[in-house]
Protein backbone atom coordinates (compact mmCIF):
# COMPACT_ATOMS: atom_id res chain seq x y z
CA MET A 1 206.25 45.96 33.46
CA GLN A 2 203.56 46.92 35.96
CA VAL A 3 200.47 45.12 34.47
CA VAL A 4 202.81 42.25 34.25
CA PHE A 5 203.32 42.20 37.68
CA ASP A 6 199.66 43.08 38.74
CA TYR A 7 198.26 39.87 36.93
CA LEU A 8 201.22 37.47 38.15
CA PRO A 9 198.57 36.88 41.40
CA VAL A 10 196.07 35.75 38.72
CA VAL A 11 198.99 33.67 36.52
CA ALA A 12 199.46 31.95 40.23
CA PHE A 13 195.83 31.24 40.49
CA ILE A 14 195.77 29.94 37.13
CA GLY A 15 199.11 27.84 37.12
CA ALA A 16 197.91 26.53 40.69
CA TYR A 17 194.46 25.26 39.08
CA ALA A 18 196.04 24.05 35.88
CA LEU A 19 197.91 21.51 37.98
CA THR A 20 196.18 20.21 40.52
CA LYS A 21 192.11 21.09 38.94
CA ASP A 22 191.42 21.67 42.87
CA PHE A 23 189.92 25.47 43.13
CA PHE A 24 190.60 25.49 46.71
CA ILE A 25 194.28 24.74 46.18
CA ALA A 26 194.55 27.76 43.87
CA THR A 27 192.58 30.37 45.84
CA MET A 28 194.83 29.55 48.94
CA VAL A 29 197.64 30.39 46.17
CA LEU A 30 195.99 33.25 45.46
CA MET A 31 195.53 34.43 48.90
CA ALA A 32 199.57 34.39 49.52
CA ALA A 33 200.16 35.77 46.10
CA MET A 34 198.49 39.15 46.49
CA PRO A 35 199.83 40.48 49.48
CA ILE A 36 202.99 39.40 47.67
CA MET A 37 202.09 41.51 44.83
CA LEU A 38 201.16 44.17 47.10
CA ILE A 39 204.36 44.21 49.11
CA GLY A 40 206.50 43.47 46.04
CA SER A 41 204.85 46.84 44.16
CA TRP A 42 205.56 48.79 47.70
CA LEU A 43 209.30 47.88 47.55
CA VAL A 44 209.59 49.36 44.11
CA SER A 45 207.82 52.34 43.83
CA LYS A 46 207.06 53.49 47.59
CA LYS A 47 203.02 53.44 47.00
CA ILE A 48 200.15 51.38 47.45
CA ASN A 49 198.08 51.44 44.67
CA LYS A 50 194.89 51.74 46.26
CA ILE A 51 192.58 49.02 43.92
CA HIS A 52 195.43 46.35 44.79
CA LEU A 53 194.79 46.83 48.02
CA VAL A 54 191.03 46.93 48.19
CA SER A 55 191.53 43.81 45.58
CA THR A 56 193.73 42.14 48.15
CA ALA A 57 191.90 42.64 50.96
CA LEU A 58 188.80 40.89 49.03
CA VAL A 59 190.56 38.27 47.85
CA LEU A 60 191.86 37.40 51.17
CA VAL A 61 188.24 37.83 52.88
CA LEU A 62 186.56 36.13 50.08
CA GLY A 63 189.12 33.48 49.47
CA ALA A 64 188.88 32.69 53.20
CA ILE A 65 184.80 32.49 53.06
CA THR A 66 185.52 30.43 50.29
CA ILE A 67 188.11 27.75 51.99
CA ILE A 68 186.03 27.55 55.15
CA PHE A 69 182.60 26.94 53.15
CA ARG A 70 184.21 25.08 50.46
CA ASN A 71 182.31 27.16 48.08
CA PRO A 72 183.95 28.47 44.51
CA LEU A 73 181.00 31.23 44.23
CA PHE A 74 182.54 33.74 46.91
CA LEU A 75 185.89 33.81 45.27
CA ALA A 76 184.14 34.14 42.26
CA TRP A 77 182.47 37.17 43.02
CA LYS A 78 185.35 38.96 43.67
CA PRO A 79 185.87 40.45 40.28
CA THR A 80 182.20 41.30 39.79
CA VAL A 81 182.55 43.41 43.64
CA LEU A 82 185.86 44.87 42.59
CA ASN A 83 184.41 45.96 38.95
CA TRP A 84 181.18 47.49 40.10
CA ALA A 85 182.34 49.19 42.85
CA LEU A 86 185.14 50.95 40.53
CA GLY A 87 182.18 51.48 38.09
CA VAL A 88 179.87 53.34 41.13
CA VAL A 89 183.28 54.83 41.83
CA CYS A 90 183.39 56.37 37.87
CA PHE A 91 180.09 57.54 38.01
CA GLY A 92 180.11 59.26 41.51
CA SER A 93 183.12 60.90 40.95
CA ASN A 94 181.51 63.03 38.48
CA TRP A 95 179.20 64.46 41.32
CA VAL A 96 182.20 64.32 44.01
CA GLY A 97 185.25 66.04 43.77
CA ARG A 98 186.19 68.81 41.34
CA VAL A 99 187.23 66.33 38.74
CA PRO A 100 186.08 62.92 37.65
CA LEU A 101 187.90 60.19 38.45
CA MET A 102 189.44 59.95 34.67
CA GLN A 103 190.96 63.52 34.50
CA ARG A 104 192.31 62.54 38.35
CA LEU A 105 194.11 59.49 36.82
CA LEU A 106 194.93 61.13 33.45
CA GLY A 107 194.79 64.80 33.57
CA SER A 108 198.12 65.56 33.95
CA ASN A 109 199.19 63.59 30.45
CA VAL A 110 195.97 64.51 28.77
CA GLU A 111 194.17 67.85 28.76
CA LEU A 112 190.51 67.05 27.33
CA GLU A 113 187.18 69.54 27.61
CA PRO A 114 185.11 68.87 30.91
CA ALA A 115 182.52 67.34 29.16
CA GLN A 116 184.63 64.60 27.58
CA TRP A 117 186.80 63.97 30.90
CA ARG A 118 182.82 63.17 32.20
CA GLY A 119 182.29 60.85 28.98
CA LEU A 120 185.17 59.07 29.28
CA THR A 121 184.72 58.18 33.24
CA ASN A 122 181.33 57.12 32.25
CA ALA A 123 182.34 54.76 29.50
CA TRP A 124 184.77 53.65 32.20
CA GLY A 125 181.87 53.36 34.98
CA VAL A 126 179.71 51.10 32.05
CA PHE A 127 182.56 48.76 31.08
CA PHE A 128 183.41 47.55 34.66
CA LEU A 129 179.28 47.40 35.29
CA VAL A 130 179.22 45.30 32.17
CA ILE A 131 182.89 43.22 32.87
CA GLY A 132 181.00 42.91 36.66
CA ALA A 133 178.12 41.15 34.84
CA VAL A 134 179.78 39.16 32.27
CA ASN A 135 181.81 37.57 34.83
CA LEU A 136 178.70 36.34 36.60
CA PHE A 137 177.59 35.43 33.58
CA VAL A 138 180.27 33.47 32.65
CA TYR A 139 180.99 31.77 36.52
CA TYR A 140 177.18 30.78 36.15
CA SER A 141 176.60 29.42 32.47
CA PHE A 142 180.18 27.56 32.14
CA SER A 143 182.15 24.97 33.62
CA GLU A 144 184.64 26.27 36.71
CA GLU A 145 187.80 25.55 34.65
CA THR A 146 186.48 27.64 32.14
CA TRP A 147 185.60 30.49 34.34
CA VAL A 148 189.27 30.05 35.75
CA TYR A 149 190.84 30.92 32.71
CA PHE A 150 187.87 33.24 31.49
CA LYS A 151 189.52 35.25 34.74
CA LEU A 152 192.61 35.88 32.90
CA TRP A 153 191.98 35.66 29.27
CA GLY A 154 188.70 37.03 29.10
CA LEU A 155 188.47 39.64 31.93
CA MET A 156 192.31 40.91 30.94
CA GLY A 157 191.87 40.82 27.07
CA MET A 158 188.15 42.64 27.53
CA THR A 159 189.82 45.46 29.32
CA PHE A 160 192.53 45.32 27.03
CA LEU A 161 190.51 45.67 24.43
CA PHE A 162 188.43 48.57 26.11
CA ALA A 163 191.86 50.38 27.07
CA ILE A 164 192.89 50.57 23.36
CA ALA A 165 189.51 51.80 22.26
CA GLN A 166 189.67 54.76 25.04
CA ALA A 167 193.30 55.63 23.55
CA VAL A 168 191.76 55.87 20.11
CA TRP A 169 188.68 58.37 21.16
CA MET A 170 191.06 60.51 23.19
CA THR A 171 193.56 60.97 20.32
CA GLN A 172 190.46 61.70 18.09
CA ALA A 173 189.21 64.13 20.93
CA LEU A 174 192.41 65.76 21.36
CA ALA A 175 192.70 66.46 17.52
CA ARG A 176 189.46 67.80 17.52
CA ASN A 177 190.23 70.11 20.42
CA GLU A 178 193.35 71.30 18.58
CA ARG A 179 191.56 71.68 15.76
CA SER A 180 188.90 73.50 17.42
CA ALA A 181 191.37 76.04 19.55
CA ALA A 182 193.45 76.50 15.75
CA GLU A 183 190.23 77.66 14.06
CA THR A 184 189.32 79.77 17.36
CA SER A 185 192.91 81.49 17.50
CA GLU A 186 192.56 82.60 13.99
């Protein structure tokens, strides 16, 4: 349910674009929808997701610049800036702090070896860097309309597929760890 809620601003942006074919109106809708999503999320969970907060700030700043300069380039860079920042945070978390980022996020639900946590975090770091580059490739290589729809279906689809692949990998890693622990205890 939370994932659906998270994507509502993007759906509002795409809906506004589909209805008007006006990138700037769609940008204003997105700029209104992001703080509403943030407030709604806080009302439901009494917490502010840091990624949502950063994403909202980027949308408001880059959206305002997009509208002021009448140039969609600024907002189009938002997914890349956010994803590249997440990639850097993933890699940096292997050296800063006690545990890698993915262990902080999933550690209470999954037990992996330290090297596996680092590998998982690095995999997400690479994914974020790649998806940021793919966003720019689509923006610069295809029409505005194609990029708008890619923003939802392409980026969300790639993230969903990667998350499934990582879940499969974690399941296999957990099974290997259990077999290894059983062999060691015999």
